[in-house]
């Protein structure tokens, strides 16, 4: 049910880097929301044409979705962790990364032919 999706203007340097980033983001998200990693999904979209501040310099947009609530303390800690991991792996400055946190009701999230609510 937790999801982290990364869209970036950066082309990945090598597949192994992206694989490692997604594994790290998955484990970090599970830890922050207190849910088993077996439910966490990650997605990565490189090479997206994007601007930020009117420039085409490297940029990243991240969506974090979760069934259930996330406190301001949790989202602040996640923002710090995710920005650091993404910046270190992709070379995108942390001030060019936006993260959207979204809470979903269980009935609005489908899985395995049913929903979580």
Protein backbone atom coordinates (compact mmCIF):
# COMPACT_ATOMS: atom_id res chain seq x y z
CA UNK A 1 0.00 0.00 0.00
CA UNK A 2 2.83 2.50 0.47
CA UNK A 3 4.15 3.77 -2.85
CA UNK A 4 7.11 5.94 -3.76
CA UNK A 5 7.37 7.08 -7.37
CA UNK A 6 10.36 9.06 -8.63
CA UNK A 7 10.20 11.10 -11.83
CA UNK A 8 13.39 12.82 -12.90
CA UNK A 9 14.93 14.65 -15.81
CA UNK A 10 18.14 12.71 -15.17
CA UNK A 11 18.99 9.65 -17.23
CA UNK A 12 20.28 6.88 -14.95
CA UNK A 13 23.99 6.22 -15.07
CA UNK A 14 23.55 2.46 -14.84
CA UNK A 15 20.76 0.04 -13.99
CA UNK A 16 22.46 -1.07 -10.78
CA UNK A 17 22.32 2.46 -9.39
CA UNK A 18 18.59 2.70 -9.96
CA UNK A 19 17.99 -0.79 -8.52
CA UNK A 20 19.93 0.12 -5.39
CA UNK A 21 18.09 3.46 -5.05
CA UNK A 22 14.70 1.77 -5.32
CA UNK A 23 15.66 -0.89 -2.76
CA UNK A 24 16.84 1.80 -0.34
CA UNK A 25 13.73 3.93 -0.86
CA UNK A 26 11.52 0.87 -0.32
CA UNK A 27 13.16 -0.03 2.98
CA UNK A 28 13.16 3.59 4.14
CA UNK A 29 9.49 4.09 3.31
CA UNK A 30 8.49 0.89 5.14
CA UNK A 31 10.44 2.02 8.19
CA UNK A 32 8.88 5.50 8.22
CA UNK A 33 5.26 4.38 7.85
CA UNK A 34 5.64 1.29 10.03
CA UNK A 35 4.38 -1.19 7.45
CA UNK A 36 5.93 -4.39 6.09
CA UNK A 37 8.21 -3.79 3.12
CA UNK A 38 6.36 -6.62 1.35
CA UNK A 39 3.56 -4.08 0.68
CA UNK A 40 5.81 -1.24 -0.56
CA UNK A 41 5.92 -0.44 -4.28
CA UNK A 42 8.57 1.72 -5.94
CA UNK A 43 8.64 3.24 -9.43
CA UNK A 44 11.28 5.16 -11.36
CA UNK A 45 10.81 7.26 -14.49
CA UNK A 46 14.06 8.70 -15.88
CA UNK A 47 14.49 11.17 -18.70
CA UNK A 48 11.24 13.07 -18.09
CA UNK A 49 11.30 16.51 -19.71
CA UNK A 50 10.89 18.84 -16.72
CA UNK A 51 11.64 22.37 -15.63
CA UNK A 52 12.04 23.88 -12.19
CA UNK A 53 12.56 27.57 -11.60
CA UNK A 54 12.46 28.11 -15.35
CA UNK A 55 15.49 25.92 -16.09
CA UNK A 56 16.09 22.42 -17.40
CA UNK A 57 18.80 21.70 -14.80
CA UNK A 58 18.46 18.27 -13.15
CA UNK A 59 15.18 18.02 -11.24
CA UNK A 60 13.09 15.41 -9.48
CA UNK A 61 9.43 15.00 -8.50
CA UNK A 62 8.56 12.32 -5.96
CA UNK A 63 5.13 11.00 -4.95
CA UNK A 64 4.70 9.21 -1.65
CA UNK A 65 1.29 7.63 -1.08
CA UNK A 66 0.11 5.63 1.91
CA UNK A 67 -3.12 4.09 3.14
CA UNK A 68 -3.54 5.82 6.49
CA UNK A 69 -2.12 8.94 8.04
CA UNK A 70 1.32 10.47 8.00
CA UNK A 71 2.21 13.02 10.64
CA UNK A 72 4.17 16.22 9.96
CA UNK A 73 7.07 14.70 11.89
CA UNK A 74 7.01 11.62 9.62
CA UNK A 75 6.81 13.61 6.38
CA UNK A 76 9.65 15.90 7.44
CA UNK A 77 11.86 12.92 8.27
CA UNK A 78 10.92 11.19 5.00
CA UNK A 79 11.65 14.35 3.02
CA UNK A 80 15.11 14.53 4.55
CA UNK A 81 15.88 10.85 3.95
CA UNK A 82 14.46 10.66 0.41
CA UNK A 83 16.08 13.92 -0.74
CA UNK A 84 19.45 12.76 0.56
CA UNK A 85 19.21 9.32 -1.08
CA UNK A 86 18.03 10.73 -4.41
CA UNK A 87 20.61 13.52 -4.45
CA UNK A 88 23.47 11.15 -3.66
CA UNK A 89 22.42 8.64 -6.33
CA UNK A 90 21.21 10.89 -9.16
CA UNK A 91 23.13 14.09 -8.46
CA UNK A 92 19.97 16.21 -8.26
CA UNK A 93 20.43 19.02 -5.71
CA UNK A 94 18.02 18.67 -2.79
CA UNK A 95 16.63 22.15 -3.50
CA UNK A 96 15.44 20.86 -6.90
CA UNK A 97 13.42 17.95 -5.49
CA UNK A 98 9.71 18.26 -4.74
CA UNK A 99 7.95 15.55 -2.74
CA UNK A 100 4.18 15.18 -2.59
CA UNK A 101 2.83 13.20 0.36
CA UNK A 102 -0.70 11.82 -0.07
CA UNK A 103 -2.87 9.82 2.30
CA UNK A 104 -5.40 7.40 0.83
CA UNK A 105 -8.47 5.85 2.37
CA UNK A 106 -8.31 2.06 2.38
CA UNK A 107 -11.39 1.76 0.17
CA UNK A 108 -9.67 3.92 -2.45
CA UNK A 109 -6.63 1.63 -2.82
CA UNK A 110 -7.09 -1.67 -4.64
CA UNK A 111 -4.98 -4.79 -4.37
CA UNK A 112 -5.36 -8.48 -5.11
CA UNK A 113 -8.92 -8.14 -6.42
CA UNK A 114 -10.13 -6.16 -3.41
CA UNK A 115 -9.31 -2.99 -1.46
CA UNK A 116 -7.70 -2.17 1.88
CA UNK A 117 -10.94 -0.73 3.28
